[in-house]
Amino acid sequence: MKHLLMLIAALTLLASVASAEIVSVEMIGSVEWNQVNQGIFADVNSGDAFYAGFTLDSTVWEDSPNGYGIRAYPIDVASFELTIGSVGPIYLVNPQPNGETTYFHIRNDDPGVDGLLISNQLEWDYNLPKLDVPGGIDPYFTLIWSIGYTEETFSSLDILDAVGTYDFTGLTSFYCGIKDAFADPIGLIPEMTIISYPSVPVEEASFGSVKALYR
């Protein structure tokens, strides 16, 4: 019986791995301003290119506990990589402090707007992913990437339905940057968010002429 249970467990694990559908997310933009004057971010200049990429499993998610049009997909923290200007690669603190989970969110009719954001909360962006760079106020700098679109942008909360490139088309609002506690020392302009499936490893990512800026 023991061997049978072990076999069942192994087969269940293999089935789980086989059913995983790994999606790549790439966030591309430019620096609008930088007020950091010490540490590695002091080398970042206005106009510098910004790139962040990571992967997630499209079969693993949590929906809004309050019934909002939001679905949160846990990010593979180990896959995260960020480059800004000549600075990088920068990674997320792994694991995130206090057992937090970093999510990539799809918003669909929430209500009347669609959007994309990253957060360490299921619904909101007030607890942000911690970058592995010491902050001047908080222990770590954090990343915010929160973009709003018209409600026709997404057809569902399924990230596979959202595969594509999102730029300024249908853009209604954005709040993107690198934060230090309550301060916004680095502002970012989001130029593209690319959702790819099958996944595209960061080291093999290719997005036209922009690739040379990050690799």
Foldseek 3Di string as FASTA:
>chain_A
DVVVVVVVVVVVVVVVVVPWWKKKKKWKWFWQAFDDCDDPSNPAGGGWIKMKMFMFTLVDWDADPVPFQKIWTFTPQVQIFIDTHPDDRWGFPVPFPPPFTKTWMWGACSPQKTWIWIDSDRDDHPHFTFIPTQAPAHRGKGWIWIWIFGNVQADGRRVVSNADKDACVRTDDIFTAIDHNPDGRIGIDTGIMGMDPVYDRPVRDDDDPCVVSPD
